[in-house]
Amino acid sequence: MKRFFEKNWLAIFAFAALTACNDDNVAPEITQFALSDTTIHVGNQLVIEANIQSDQVFNYNWILNNETKSNEAIFVFTPEKTGEYTLKLLVENKYGTDSAEAVITVLPRLITIDFENLTIGNDSYWNGSDGGGDFTSGIASFPNFYDQGMYYWEGYSYSNKNDTITAGYMNQYSAYDSKNNGNKFGIFYPPFLGVSAIEFKNNQLIKVQSINICNITYTALSMLKGDDYAKKFGGETGNDKDFLKLEIFGLDVSGHVLDSLSFYLADYQSSDNSKDYIVNKWTKVDLTKLGAVNQIAFSFKSSDMSVWGMNTPAYLCLDDIVYLEPEN
C-alpha cells in the first residue's frame, strides 16, 4: 500500500511539473505598441518601441512595406521620401508570434523662413535707410520702400529689438515679447497706397503651414495706455468693445486673393473684461486654410477710427514662416 501511494504522489508531482512547464511555453505578447496611424514629415525622426510580455527568448522583426528593416528592440524611422508606409512589428519565439502594425503618412519636408540670414548688430534694426530696398530670406522676397527726404519707410523691415517698456513711435522696431532675446524677425508697416505682399520666388505656389505673429511694442502700449493719437482700449471704464484685427490673405501669381483668415492682435469685445487681451508673446497662426499661394499680404482693422483712417498704430511683427517643401 505504501508503494502505491508513493507511485501516485510521484505521478501527481510529474503532472504538476509538466503543467507548470507548459504554462511557460507560450508565444510572446505585444502588450503596448507605442505607435498608431500617424503623420510625419520628410527628415523628421520617429522612434518606435513596444512592450513585450514573454518568459522565453524572442526575436523582433520590424517590417516596413513588406521589407524587414531591423531586428532591434527599438526602430528608428527617418523618411527621405513622401508617401504612405505600413510598419509592422512581428515578435516571435519557438512557441508562436504576435504582431501589430500602423500606417505612417510622410508629408514633404517643413522649411522655415526665420530672417536669421539677415545681418544687423545687437539690439538693432534695418528699415531700408541705406537704400537697399527689397530683401530676401529663404525663398521669400519682402518689399521695402524708404523715403530719404521724409525719413519714412513702408512695407517690411527687420529687427532683433525687444524693448517692451518704452512707449511711442521711436520704439517701432521692438517685439512686444520680453523673451525675444535677440531673435531676428520681420516687421510689416502697410504702404499708403496699394499692397505690399511677401512673394515667393520663381512664381512658386507654396503651401504655407504657419507663421509666428506678435505685436510691436509701440502698438501694444498705445492700445494698453492710449497716446496722443489713439485711445486706450476699453476706454476709461474698460467696457468699450475695442479690437485690433489682422487680416491675412493668400494670393496667386497675379495677385488675386485665393483665401483669407483673421487673427486678433487685441480683443476687448467680451462682456467679461477679464478676457480682454493684447497679444504679448510670439503666437503661431495656422495658415493651411490659405492653400497653395505665391504671395501673402496683410491688412488691419481697428475699432479706433477717425476720418483719416485707423488711429491704432498699424504694425506687425512676423517670424518663422513655415511651409512644405515643393515636390518636383
C-alpha atoms as a PDB file:
ATOM      1  CA  MET A   1       0.000   0.000   0.000  1.00  0.00           C
ATOM      2  CA  LYS A   2       2.886   2.359   0.818  1.00  0.00           C
ATOM      3  CA  ARG A   3       4.424   1.827  -2.605  1.00  0.00           C
ATOM      4  CA  PHE A   4       1.011   2.562  -4.219  1.00  0.00           C
ATOM      5  CA  PHE A   5       0.799   5.987  -2.572  1.00  0.00           C
ATOM      6  CA  GLU A   6       4.422   6.739  -3.387  1.00  0.00           C
ATOM      7  CA  LYS A   7       3.845   5.989  -7.069  1.00  0.00           C
ATOM      8  CA  ASN A   8       0.687   8.129  -7.133  1.00  0.00           C
ATOM      9  CA  TRP A   9       2.425  11.092  -5.475  1.00  0.00           C
ATOM     10  CA  LEU A  10       5.216  10.827  -7.991  1.00  0.00           C
ATOM     11  CA  ALA A  11       2.680  10.843 -10.818  1.00  0.00           C
ATOM     12  CA  ILE A  12       0.876  13.877  -9.412  1.00  0.00           C
ATOM     13  CA  PHE A  13       4.192  15.729  -8.968  1.00  0.00           C
ATOM     14  CA  ALA A  14       5.254  14.909 -12.524  1.00  0.00           C
ATOM     15  CA  PHE A  15       1.899  16.126 -13.902  1.00  0.00           C
ATOM     16  CA  ALA A  16       2.122  19.388 -11.932  1.00  0.00           C
ATOM     17  CA  ALA A  17       5.664  19.989 -13.126  1.00  0.00           C
ATOM     18  CA  LEU A  18       4.621  19.336 -16.722  1.00  0.00           C
ATOM     19  CA  THR A  19       1.681  21.709 -16.367  1.00  0.00           C
ATOM     20  CA  ALA A  20       3.898  24.498 -14.995  1.00  0.00           C
ATOM     21  CA  CYS A  21       6.342  23.967 -17.816  1.00  0.00           C
ATOM     22  CA  ASN A  22       3.534  24.167 -20.414  1.00  0.00           C
ATOM     23  CA  ASP A  23       2.358  27.463 -18.872  1.00  0.00           C
ATOM     24  CA  ASP A  24       5.750  28.941 -19.756  1.00  0.00           C
ATOM     25  CA  ASN A  25       5.703  27.631 -23.309  1.00  0.00           C
ATOM     26  CA  VAL A  26       3.669  30.470 -24.796  1.00  0.00           C
ATOM     27  CA  ALA A  27       4.176  32.940 -27.612  1.00  0.00           C
ATOM     28  CA  PRO A  28       5.322  36.479 -26.805  1.00  0.00           C
ATOM     29  CA  GLU A  29       2.602  39.124 -26.457  1.00  0.00           C
ATOM     30  CA  ILE A  30       2.765  42.780 -27.507  1.00  0.00           C
ATOM     31  CA  THR A  31       1.132  44.482 -24.546  1.00  0.00           C
ATOM     32  CA  GLN A  32       1.667  48.032 -25.779  1.00  0.00           C
ATOM     33  CA  PHE A  33       2.644  49.296 -29.232  1.00  0.00           C
ATOM     34  CA  ALA A  34       3.787  52.924 -28.983  1.00  0.00           C
ATOM     35  CA  LEU A  35       2.524  53.875 -32.429  1.00  0.00           C
ATOM     36  CA  SER A  36      -0.853  54.338 -34.072  1.00  0.00           C
ATOM     37  CA  ASP A  37      -1.552  55.664 -37.558  1.00  0.00           C
ATOM     38  CA  THR A  38       0.434  58.870 -37.684  1.00  0.00           C
ATOM     39  CA  THR A  39       1.768  61.631 -39.940  1.00  0.00           C
ATOM     40  CA  ILE A  40       5.312  62.991 -40.033  1.00  0.00           C
ATOM     41  CA  HIS A  41       7.447  64.999 -42.468  1.00  0.00           C
ATOM     42  CA  VAL A  42      10.455  64.090 -44.585  1.00  0.00           C
ATOM     43  CA  GLY A  43      13.603  64.427 -42.494  1.00  0.00           C
ATOM     44  CA  ASN A  44      11.843  64.031 -39.156  1.00  0.00           C
ATOM     45  CA  GLN A  45      12.750  61.118 -36.911  1.00  0.00           C
ATOM     46  CA  LEU A  46      10.192  58.713 -35.482  1.00  0.00           C
ATOM     47  CA  VAL A  47      11.358  56.435 -32.636  1.00  0.00           C
ATOM     48  CA  ILE A  48       9.096  53.417 -32.074  1.00  0.00           C
ATOM     49  CA  GLU A  49       9.187  50.786 -29.355  1.00  0.00           C
ATOM     50  CA  ALA A  50       6.826  48.244 -27.845  1.00  0.00           C
ATOM     51  CA  ASN A  51       6.322  46.492 -24.528  1.00  0.00           C
ATOM     52  CA  ILE A  52       6.625  42.721 -24.931  1.00  0.00           C
ATOM     53  CA  GLN A  53       5.480  40.118 -22.406  1.00  0.00           C
ATOM     54  CA  SER A  54       7.302  36.800 -22.655  1.00  0.00           C
ATOM     55  CA  ASP A  55       9.005  34.304 -20.338  1.00  0.00           C
ATOM     56  CA  GLN A  56      11.020  32.954 -23.237  1.00  0.00           C
ATOM     57  CA  VAL A  57      13.660  34.442 -25.516  1.00  0.00           C
ATOM     58  CA  PHE A  58      12.026  36.050 -28.543  1.00  0.00           C
ATOM     59  CA  ASN A  59      13.001  37.967 -31.692  1.00  0.00           C
ATOM     60  CA  TYR A  60      11.944  41.377 -33.025  1.00  0.00           C
ATOM     61  CA  ASN A  61      11.124  41.895 -36.710  1.00  0.00           C
ATOM     62  CA  TRP A  62      10.370  45.441 -37.912  1.00  0.00           C
ATOM     63  CA  ILE A  63       8.832  45.228 -41.384  1.00  0.00           C
ATOM     64  CA  LEU A  64       8.361  48.369 -43.495  1.00  0.00           C
ATOM     65  CA  ASN A  65       6.233  47.982 -46.632  1.00  0.00           C
ATOM     66  CA  ASN A  66       6.838  44.187 -46.569  1.00  0.00           C
ATOM     67  CA  GLU A  67      10.625  44.529 -46.164  1.00  0.00           C
ATOM     68  CA  THR A  68      12.356  43.632 -42.897  1.00  0.00           C
ATOM     69  CA  LYS A  69      14.354  46.659 -41.754  1.00  0.00           C
ATOM     70  CA  SER A  70      15.526  45.859 -38.229  1.00  0.00           C
ATOM     71  CA  ASN A  71      15.697  43.202 -35.519  1.00  0.00           C
ATOM     72  CA  GLU A  72      16.434  45.630 -32.679  1.00  0.00           C
ATOM     73  CA  ALA A  73      14.138  46.383 -29.766  1.00  0.00           C
ATOM     74  CA  ILE A  74      13.666  49.992 -30.901  1.00  0.00           C
ATOM     75  CA  PHE A  75      13.042  51.047 -34.507  1.00  0.00           C
ATOM     76  CA  VAL A  76      14.057  54.489 -35.761  1.00  0.00           C
ATOM     77  CA  PHE A  77      12.324  55.727 -38.929  1.00  0.00           C
ATOM     78  CA  THR A  78      13.737  58.777 -40.738  1.00  0.00           C
ATOM     79  CA  PRO A  79      11.942  59.018 -44.096  1.00  0.00           C
ATOM     80  CA  GLU A  80      13.612  60.570 -47.120  1.00  0.00           C
ATOM     81  CA  LYS A  81      10.597  60.414 -49.434  1.00  0.00           C
ATOM     82  CA  THR A  82       6.920  61.264 -49.123  1.00  0.00           C
ATOM     83  CA  GLY A  83       4.310  58.540 -49.276  1.00  0.00           C
ATOM     84  CA  GLU A  84       2.380  56.041 -47.195  1.00  0.00           C
ATOM     85  CA  TYR A  85       4.303  53.411 -45.256  1.00  0.00           C
ATOM     86  CA  THR A  86       2.941  50.353 -43.456  1.00  0.00           C
ATOM     87  CA  LEU A  87       5.064  49.456 -40.449  1.00  0.00           C
ATOM     88  CA  LYS A  88       4.591  46.044 -38.852  1.00  0.00           C
ATOM     89  CA  LEU A  89       6.200  44.701 -35.697  1.00  0.00           C
ATOM     90  CA  LEU A  90       6.375  40.901 -35.541  1.00  0.00           C
ATOM     91  CA  VAL A  91       7.686  39.249 -32.374  1.00  0.00           C
ATOM     92  CA  GLU A  92       8.263  35.503 -32.301  1.00  0.00           C
ATOM     93  CA  ASN A  93       9.694  32.625 -30.342  1.00  0.00           C
ATOM     94  CA  LYS A  94       9.517  28.878 -30.939  1.00  0.00           C
ATOM     95  CA  TYR A  95       6.028  28.778 -29.440  1.00  0.00           C
ATOM     96  CA  GLY A  96       4.369  31.383 -31.653  1.00  0.00           C
ATOM     97  CA  THR A  97       4.124  35.021 -32.733  1.00  0.00           C
ATOM     98  CA  ASP A  98       2.308  38.278 -32.103  1.00  0.00           C
ATOM     99  CA  SER A  99       2.167  41.378 -34.299  1.00  0.00           C
ATOM    100  CA  ALA A 100       0.962  44.957 -34.509  1.00  0.00           C
ATOM    101  CA  GLU A 101       1.037  47.485 -37.308  1.00  0.00           C
ATOM    102  CA  ALA A 102       0.359  51.116 -38.163  1.00  0.00           C
ATOM    103  CA  VAL A 103       0.281  53.331 -41.232  1.00  0.00           C
ATOM    104  CA  ILE A 104       2.763  56.225 -41.370  1.00  0.00           C
ATOM    105  CA  THR A 105       1.937  59.042 -43.782  1.00  0.00           C
ATOM    106  CA  VAL A 106       5.011  61.034 -44.765  1.00  0.00           C
ATOM    107  CA  LEU A 107       4.477  64.610 -45.948  1.00  0.00           C
ATOM    108  CA  PRO A 108       7.041  66.931 -47.604  1.00  0.00           C
ATOM    109  CA  ARG A 109       9.813  68.447 -45.528  1.00  0.00           C
ATOM    110  CA  LEU A 110       8.984  71.510 -43.409  1.00  0.00           C
ATOM    111  CA  ILE A 111      11.150  74.552 -44.155  1.00  0.00           C
ATOM    112  CA  THR A 112      11.257  77.727 -42.066  1.00  0.00           C
ATOM    113  CA  ILE A 113      11.914  81.299 -43.178  1.00  0.00           C
ATOM    114  CA  ASP A 114      13.344  82.798 -39.984  1.00  0.00           C
ATOM    115  CA  PHE A 115      15.228  86.005 -41.025  1.00  0.00           C
ATOM    116  CA  GLU A 116      18.415  84.688 -39.404  1.00  0.00           C
ATOM    117  CA  ASN A 117      20.334  85.124 -42.696  1.00  0.00           C
ATOM    118  CA  LEU A 118      19.967  88.911 -42.361  1.00  0.00           C
ATOM    119  CA  THR A 119      22.816  90.929 -40.836  1.00  0.00           C
ATOM    120  CA  ILE A 120      22.225  93.530 -38.126  1.00  0.00           C
ATOM    121  CA  GLY A 121      24.005  94.440 -34.894  1.00  0.00           C
ATOM    122  CA  ASN A 122      22.849  93.604 -31.398  1.00  0.00           C
ATOM    123  CA  ASP A 123      19.672  95.376 -30.274  1.00  0.00           C
ATOM    124  CA  SER A 124      19.320  96.912 -33.724  1.00  0.00           C
ATOM    125  CA  TYR A 125      17.119  97.119 -36.826  1.00  0.00           C
ATOM    126  CA  TRP A 126      17.175  97.739 -40.579  1.00  0.00           C
ATOM    127  CA  ASN A 127      14.470  99.846 -42.266  1.00  0.00           C
ATOM    128  CA  GLY A 128      15.869 100.479 -45.743  1.00  0.00           C
ATOM    129  CA  SER A 129      17.557 103.802 -44.960  1.00  0.00           C
ATOM    130  CA  ASP A 130      20.710 102.550 -46.698  1.00  0.00           C
ATOM    131  CA  GLY A 131      18.784 102.327 -49.976  1.00  0.00           C
ATOM    132  CA  GLY A 132      18.960  98.547 -50.054  1.00  0.00           C
ATOM    133  CA  GLY A 133      15.299  98.190 -50.962  1.00  0.00           C
ATOM    134  CA  ASP A 134      13.620  94.799 -51.064  1.00  0.00           C
ATOM    135  CA  PHE A 135      15.283  91.995 -49.117  1.00  0.00           C
ATOM    136  CA  THR A 136      15.035  88.212 -49.104  1.00  0.00           C
ATOM    137  CA  SER A 137      15.019  85.441 -46.541  1.00  0.00           C
ATOM    138  CA  GLY A 138      14.864  81.900 -47.836  1.00  0.00           C
ATOM    139  CA  ILE A 139      12.633  81.751 -50.913  1.00  0.00           C
ATOM    140  CA  ALA A 140      10.627  84.827 -49.866  1.00  0.00           C
ATOM    141  CA  SER A 141      11.054  88.411 -51.018  1.00  0.00           C
ATOM    142  CA  PHE A 142       9.985  91.292 -48.762  1.00  0.00           C
ATOM    143  CA  PRO A 143       9.317  94.686 -50.385  1.00  0.00           C
ATOM    144  CA  ASN A 144      10.736  97.803 -48.742  1.00  0.00           C
ATOM    145  CA  PHE A 145      10.423 101.475 -49.625  1.00  0.00           C
ATOM    146  CA  TYR A 146      12.335 104.216 -47.812  1.00  0.00           C
ATOM    147  CA  ASP A 147      11.812 107.942 -48.492  1.00  0.00           C
ATOM    148  CA  GLN A 148      15.188 109.639 -47.909  1.00  0.00           C
ATOM    149  CA  GLY A 149      13.569 113.073 -47.723  1.00  0.00           C
ATOM    150  CA  MET A 150      10.867 112.210 -45.218  1.00  0.00           C
ATOM    151  CA  TYR A 151      12.875 109.566 -43.287  1.00  0.00           C
ATOM    152  CA  TYR A 152       9.897 107.298 -43.754  1.00  0.00           C
ATOM    153  CA  TRP A 153       9.636 103.595 -44.586  1.00  0.00           C
ATOM    154  CA  GLU A 154       6.838 101.222 -45.505  1.00  0.00           C
ATOM    155  CA  GLY A 155       6.466  97.573 -46.424  1.00  0.00           C
ATOM    156  CA  TYR A 156       8.908  95.409 -44.482  1.00  0.00           C
ATOM    157  CA  SER A 157      11.904  95.950 -42.231  1.00  0.00           C
ATOM    158  CA  TYR A 158      13.655  93.635 -39.780  1.00  0.00           C
ATOM    159  CA  SER A 159      14.935  93.837 -36.233  1.00  0.00           C
ATOM    160  CA  ASN A 160      16.092  91.982 -33.128  1.00  0.00           C
ATOM    161  CA  LYS A 161      14.894  94.532 -30.545  1.00  0.00           C
ATOM    162  CA  ASN A 162      12.557  93.655 -27.676  1.00  0.00           C
ATOM    163  CA  ASP A 163      12.104  96.753 -25.535  1.00  0.00           C
ATOM    164  CA  THR A 164       8.644  96.128 -24.057  1.00  0.00           C
ATOM    165  CA  ILE A 165       8.748  99.180 -21.754  1.00  0.00           C
ATOM    166  CA  THR A 166       9.294 102.301 -23.869  1.00  0.00           C
ATOM    167  CA  ALA A 167       6.106 103.776 -25.348  1.00  0.00           C
ATOM    168  CA  GLY A 168       5.830 105.822 -28.509  1.00  0.00           C
ATOM    169  CA  TYR A 169       6.761 105.960 -32.173  1.00  0.00           C
ATOM    170  CA  MET A 170      10.506 105.770 -31.501  1.00  0.00           C
ATOM    171  CA  ASN A 171      10.017 102.194 -30.302  1.00  0.00           C
ATOM    172  CA  GLN A 172       8.510 100.935 -33.564  1.00  0.00           C
ATOM    173  CA  TYR A 173      11.092  98.142 -34.007  1.00  0.00           C
ATOM    174  CA  SER A 174      10.659  96.128 -30.792  1.00  0.00           C
ATOM    175  CA  ALA A 175       8.656  92.925 -30.475  1.00  0.00           C
ATOM    176  CA  TYR A 176       6.250  93.086 -27.538  1.00  0.00           C
ATOM    177  CA  ASP A 177       7.698  89.893 -26.083  1.00  0.00           C
ATOM    178  CA  SER A 178      10.282  90.268 -23.325  1.00  0.00           C
ATOM    179  CA  LYS A 179      11.582  86.761 -24.091  1.00  0.00           C
ATOM    180  CA  ASN A 180      12.539  87.545 -27.683  1.00  0.00           C
ATOM    181  CA  ASN A 181      16.224  87.547 -26.604  1.00  0.00           C
ATOM    182  CA  GLY A 182      17.850  88.881 -29.761  1.00  0.00           C
ATOM    183  CA  ASN A 183      15.848  86.745 -32.164  1.00  0.00           C
ATOM    184  CA  LYS A 184      15.616  88.332 -35.629  1.00  0.00           C
ATOM    185  CA  PHE A 185      12.153  88.989 -37.031  1.00  0.00           C
ATOM    186  CA  GLY A 186      10.378  90.917 -39.752  1.00  0.00           C
ATOM    187  CA  ILE A 187       8.188  93.996 -39.283  1.00  0.00           C
ATOM    188  CA  PHE A 188       5.295  94.975 -41.516  1.00  0.00           C
ATOM    189  CA  TYR A 189       4.000  98.517 -41.905  1.00  0.00           C
ATOM    190  CA  PRO A 190       1.328  98.916 -44.620  1.00  0.00           C
ATOM    191  CA  PRO A 191       2.002 101.182 -47.602  1.00  0.00           C
ATOM    192  CA  PHE A 192      -0.040 104.345 -48.022  1.00  0.00           C
ATOM    193  CA  LEU A 193      -1.278 103.037 -51.369  1.00  0.00           C
ATOM    194  CA  GLY A 194      -1.535  99.519 -52.774  1.00  0.00           C
ATOM    195  CA  VAL A 195      -0.490  96.183 -51.324  1.00  0.00           C
ATOM    196  CA  SER A 196       2.909  95.182 -50.023  1.00  0.00           C
ATOM    197  CA  ALA A 197       2.982  91.389 -50.206  1.00  0.00           C
ATOM    198  CA  ILE A 198       5.541  88.735 -49.341  1.00  0.00           C
ATOM    199  CA  GLU A 199       6.296  86.933 -52.598  1.00  0.00           C
ATOM    200  CA  PHE A 200       7.812  83.506 -53.213  1.00  0.00           C
ATOM    201  CA  LYS A 201      10.485  83.349 -55.911  1.00  0.00           C
ATOM    202  CA  ASN A 202      10.120  81.766 -59.358  1.00  0.00           C
ATOM    203  CA  ASN A 203       6.310  82.137 -59.244  1.00  0.00           C
ATOM    204  CA  GLN A 204       6.138  79.114 -56.957  1.00  0.00           C
ATOM    205  CA  LEU A 205       2.860  78.141 -55.318  1.00  0.00           C
ATOM    206  CA  ILE A 206       3.751  77.323 -51.731  1.00  0.00           C
ATOM    207  CA  LYS A 207       1.685  75.558 -49.079  1.00  0.00           C
ATOM    208  CA  VAL A 208       2.418  77.742 -46.067  1.00  0.00           C
ATOM    209  CA  GLN A 209       1.652  75.935 -42.809  1.00  0.00           C
ATOM    210  CA  SER A 210       2.069  78.626 -40.165  1.00  0.00           C
ATOM    211  CA  ILE A 211       3.566  81.968 -39.205  1.00  0.00           C
ATOM    212  CA  ASN A 212       4.574  83.424 -35.840  1.00  0.00           C
ATOM    213  CA  ILE A 213       2.902  86.741 -35.018  1.00  0.00           C
ATOM    214  CA  CYS A 214       3.459  89.341 -32.288  1.00  0.00           C
ATOM    215  CA  ASN A 215       2.558  92.965 -31.613  1.00  0.00           C
ATOM    216  CA  ILE A 216       5.124  95.715 -31.913  1.00  0.00           C
ATOM    217  CA  THR A 217       5.687  97.477 -28.569  1.00  0.00           C
ATOM    218  CA  TYR A 218       4.608 100.861 -29.966  1.00  0.00           C
ATOM    219  CA  THR A 219       1.220  99.445 -30.937  1.00  0.00           C
ATOM    220  CA  ALA A 220       0.764  97.339 -27.793  1.00  0.00           C
ATOM    221  CA  LEU A 221       1.429 100.190 -25.342  1.00  0.00           C
ATOM    222  CA  SER A 222      -0.741 102.544 -27.405  1.00  0.00           C
ATOM    223  CA  MET A 223      -3.658 100.142 -27.005  1.00  0.00           C
ATOM    224  CA  LEU A 224      -2.850  99.466 -23.347  1.00  0.00           C
ATOM    225  CA  LYS A 225      -2.482 103.093 -22.215  1.00  0.00           C
ATOM    226  CA  GLY A 226      -3.576 105.322 -25.099  1.00  0.00           C
ATOM    227  CA  ASP A 227      -1.420 108.093 -26.619  1.00  0.00           C
ATOM    228  CA  ASP A 228      -1.705 111.449 -28.420  1.00  0.00           C
ATOM    229  CA  TYR A 229      -3.330 109.834 -31.456  1.00  0.00           C
ATOM    230  CA  ALA A 230      -5.057 106.652 -30.315  1.00  0.00           C
ATOM    231  CA  LYS A 231      -7.381 105.694 -27.487  1.00  0.00           C
ATOM    232  CA  LYS A 232      -6.805 103.369 -24.578  1.00  0.00           C
ATOM    233  CA  PHE A 233      -8.546 100.123 -25.435  1.00  0.00           C
ATOM    234  CA  GLY A 234     -11.578  99.513 -23.248  1.00  0.00           C
ATOM    235  CA  GLY A 235     -11.904 103.244 -22.564  1.00  0.00           C
ATOM    236  CA  GLU A 236     -11.927 104.745 -19.094  1.00  0.00           C
ATOM    237  CA  THR A 237     -14.466 102.205 -17.824  1.00  0.00           C
ATOM    238  CA  GLY A 238     -12.834  99.238 -19.521  1.00  0.00           C
ATOM    239  CA  ASN A 239     -16.151  98.367 -21.185  1.00  0.00           C
ATOM    240  CA  ASP A 240     -15.527  99.724 -24.706  1.00  0.00           C
ATOM    241  CA  LYS A 241     -15.622  96.894 -27.233  1.00  0.00           C
ATOM    242  CA  ASP A 242     -12.271  97.577 -28.850  1.00  0.00           C
ATOM    243  CA  PHE A 243     -10.187  95.359 -31.098  1.00  0.00           C
ATOM    244  CA  LEU A 244      -7.232  95.243 -33.469  1.00  0.00           C
ATOM    245  CA  LYS A 245      -7.672  92.562 -36.098  1.00  0.00           C
ATOM    246  CA  LEU A 246      -5.115  91.308 -38.593  1.00  0.00           C
ATOM    247  CA  GLU A 247      -6.380  90.053 -41.948  1.00  0.00           C
ATOM    248  CA  ILE A 248      -4.087  87.561 -43.725  1.00  0.00           C
ATOM    249  CA  PHE A 249      -4.557  86.955 -47.457  1.00  0.00           C
ATOM    250  CA  GLY A 250      -3.218  84.233 -49.733  1.00  0.00           C
ATOM    251  CA  LEU A 251      -2.685  85.450 -53.313  1.00  0.00           C
ATOM    252  CA  ASP A 252      -1.892  83.763 -56.607  1.00  0.00           C
ATOM    253  CA  VAL A 253       0.869  84.804 -59.030  1.00  0.00           C
ATOM    254  CA  SER A 254      -1.336  87.567 -60.447  1.00  0.00           C
ATOM    255  CA  GLY A 255      -2.127  88.976 -57.002  1.00  0.00           C
ATOM    256  CA  HIS A 256      -5.707  87.697 -56.891  1.00  0.00           C
ATOM    257  CA  VAL A 257      -6.995  86.704 -53.454  1.00  0.00           C
ATOM    258  CA  LEU A 258      -7.415  82.943 -53.079  1.00  0.00           C
ATOM    259  CA  ASP A 259      -8.491  82.850 -49.430  1.00  0.00           C
ATOM    260  CA  SER A 260      -8.070  84.741 -46.172  1.00  0.00           C
ATOM    261  CA  LEU A 261      -8.271  84.419 -42.397  1.00  0.00           C
ATOM    262  CA  SER A 262      -8.281  86.687 -39.350  1.00  0.00           C
ATOM    263  CA  PHE A 263      -6.205  86.933 -36.188  1.00  0.00           C
ATOM    264  CA  TYR A 264      -6.855  89.320 -33.289  1.00  0.00           C
ATOM    265  CA  LEU A 265      -3.784  91.226 -32.096  1.00  0.00           C
ATOM    266  CA  ALA A 266      -6.012  92.647 -29.355  1.00  0.00           C
ATOM    267  CA  ASP A 267      -9.595  91.858 -28.399  1.00  0.00           C
ATOM    268  CA  TYR A 268     -11.696  93.710 -25.800  1.00  0.00           C
ATOM    269  CA  GLN A 269     -15.067  92.634 -27.182  1.00  0.00           C
ATOM    270  CA  SER A 270     -16.034  90.135 -24.490  1.00  0.00           C
ATOM    271  CA  SER A 271     -18.706  91.102 -21.947  1.00  0.00           C
ATOM    272  CA  ASP A 272     -16.270  89.702 -19.366  1.00  0.00           C
ATOM    273  CA  ASN A 273     -13.451  92.277 -19.108  1.00  0.00           C
ATOM    274  CA  SER A 274     -11.120  89.679 -17.581  1.00  0.00           C
ATOM    275  CA  LYS A 275     -10.968  88.080 -21.025  1.00  0.00           C
ATOM    276  CA  ASP A 276      -9.674  91.241 -22.719  1.00  0.00           C
ATOM    277  CA  TYR A 277      -6.169  90.769 -24.107  1.00  0.00           C
ATOM    278  CA  ILE A 278      -3.338  92.263 -26.133  1.00  0.00           C
ATOM    279  CA  VAL A 279      -1.015  89.692 -27.717  1.00  0.00           C
ATOM    280  CA  ASN A 280       2.238  89.924 -25.737  1.00  0.00           C
ATOM    281  CA  LYS A 281       4.200  86.919 -26.971  1.00  0.00           C
ATOM    282  CA  TRP A 282       5.056  85.184 -30.219  1.00  0.00           C
ATOM    283  CA  THR A 283       1.980  83.241 -31.293  1.00  0.00           C
ATOM    284  CA  LYS A 284       1.781  80.614 -34.018  1.00  0.00           C
ATOM    285  CA  VAL A 285      -1.039  81.164 -36.533  1.00  0.00           C
ATOM    286  CA  ASP A 286      -2.195  78.257 -38.722  1.00  0.00           C
ATOM    287  CA  LEU A 287      -2.195  79.271 -42.410  1.00  0.00           C
ATOM    288  CA  THR A 288      -3.111  75.942 -44.007  1.00  0.00           C
ATOM    289  CA  LYS A 289      -6.547  77.344 -44.867  1.00  0.00           C
ATOM    290  CA  LEU A 290      -4.905  79.554 -47.499  1.00  0.00           C
ATOM    291  CA  GLY A 291      -3.834  76.569 -49.602  1.00  0.00           C
ATOM    292  CA  ALA A 292      -1.049  76.911 -52.200  1.00  0.00           C
ATOM    293  CA  VAL A 293      -0.154  80.580 -52.631  1.00  0.00           C
ATOM    294  CA  ASN A 294       2.501  82.690 -54.333  1.00  0.00           C
ATOM    295  CA  GLN A 295       2.060  85.732 -52.087  1.00  0.00           C
ATOM    296  CA  ILE A 296       0.942  86.596 -48.567  1.00  0.00           C
ATOM    297  CA  ALA A 297      -0.493  90.009 -47.735  1.00  0.00           C
ATOM    298  CA  PHE A 298      -1.719  91.673 -44.552  1.00  0.00           C
ATOM    299  CA  SER A 299      -4.165  94.411 -43.584  1.00  0.00           C
ATOM    300  CA  PHE A 300      -5.521  95.780 -40.303  1.00  0.00           C
ATOM    301  CA  LYS A 301      -8.922  96.642 -38.867  1.00  0.00           C
ATOM    302  CA  SER A 302      -9.389  98.549 -35.617  1.00  0.00           C
ATOM    303  CA  SER A 303     -12.289  99.782 -33.522  1.00  0.00           C
ATOM    304  CA  ASP A 304     -10.420 103.107 -33.100  1.00  0.00           C
ATOM    305  CA  MET A 305     -11.066 105.010 -36.322  1.00  0.00           C
ATOM    306  CA  SER A 306     -11.169 108.635 -37.483  1.00  0.00           C
ATOM    307  CA  VAL A 307     -11.943 110.386 -40.770  1.00  0.00           C
ATOM    308  CA  TRP A 308      -8.259 109.841 -41.653  1.00  0.00           C
ATOM    309  CA  GLY A 309      -8.451 106.122 -41.063  1.00  0.00           C
ATOM    310  CA  MET A 310      -7.175 103.890 -38.275  1.00  0.00           C
ATOM    311  CA  ASN A 311      -5.791 105.588 -35.161  1.00  0.00           C
ATOM    312  CA  THR A 312      -4.189 102.450 -33.715  1.00  0.00           C
ATOM    313  CA  PRO A 313      -0.572 102.137 -34.945  1.00  0.00           C
ATOM    314  CA  ALA A 314      -0.618  99.592 -37.791  1.00  0.00           C
ATOM    315  CA  TYR A 315       2.457  97.444 -37.193  1.00  0.00           C
ATOM    316  CA  LEU A 316       3.065  93.709 -37.128  1.00  0.00           C
ATOM    317  CA  CYS A 317       5.986  91.510 -36.045  1.00  0.00           C
ATOM    318  CA  LEU A 318       6.342  88.274 -38.026  1.00  0.00           C
ATOM    319  CA  ASP A 319       8.721  85.333 -37.886  1.00  0.00           C
ATOM    320  CA  ASP A 320       9.138  81.628 -38.682  1.00  0.00           C
ATOM    321  CA  ILE A 321       7.117  81.300 -41.872  1.00  0.00           C
ATOM    322  CA  VAL A 322       6.860  77.515 -42.168  1.00  0.00           C
ATOM    323  CA  TYR A 323       6.000  75.863 -45.494  1.00  0.00           C
ATOM    324  CA  LEU A 324       6.011  72.448 -47.162  1.00  0.00           C
ATOM    325  CA  GLU A 325       8.973  71.925 -49.490  1.00  0.00           C
ATOM    326  CA  PRO A 326       7.624  71.815 -53.066  1.00  0.00           C
ATOM    327  CA  GLU A 327       7.923  68.377 -54.644  1.00  0.00           C
ATOM    328  CA  ASN A 328       9.490  68.032 -58.082  1.00  0.00           C
END
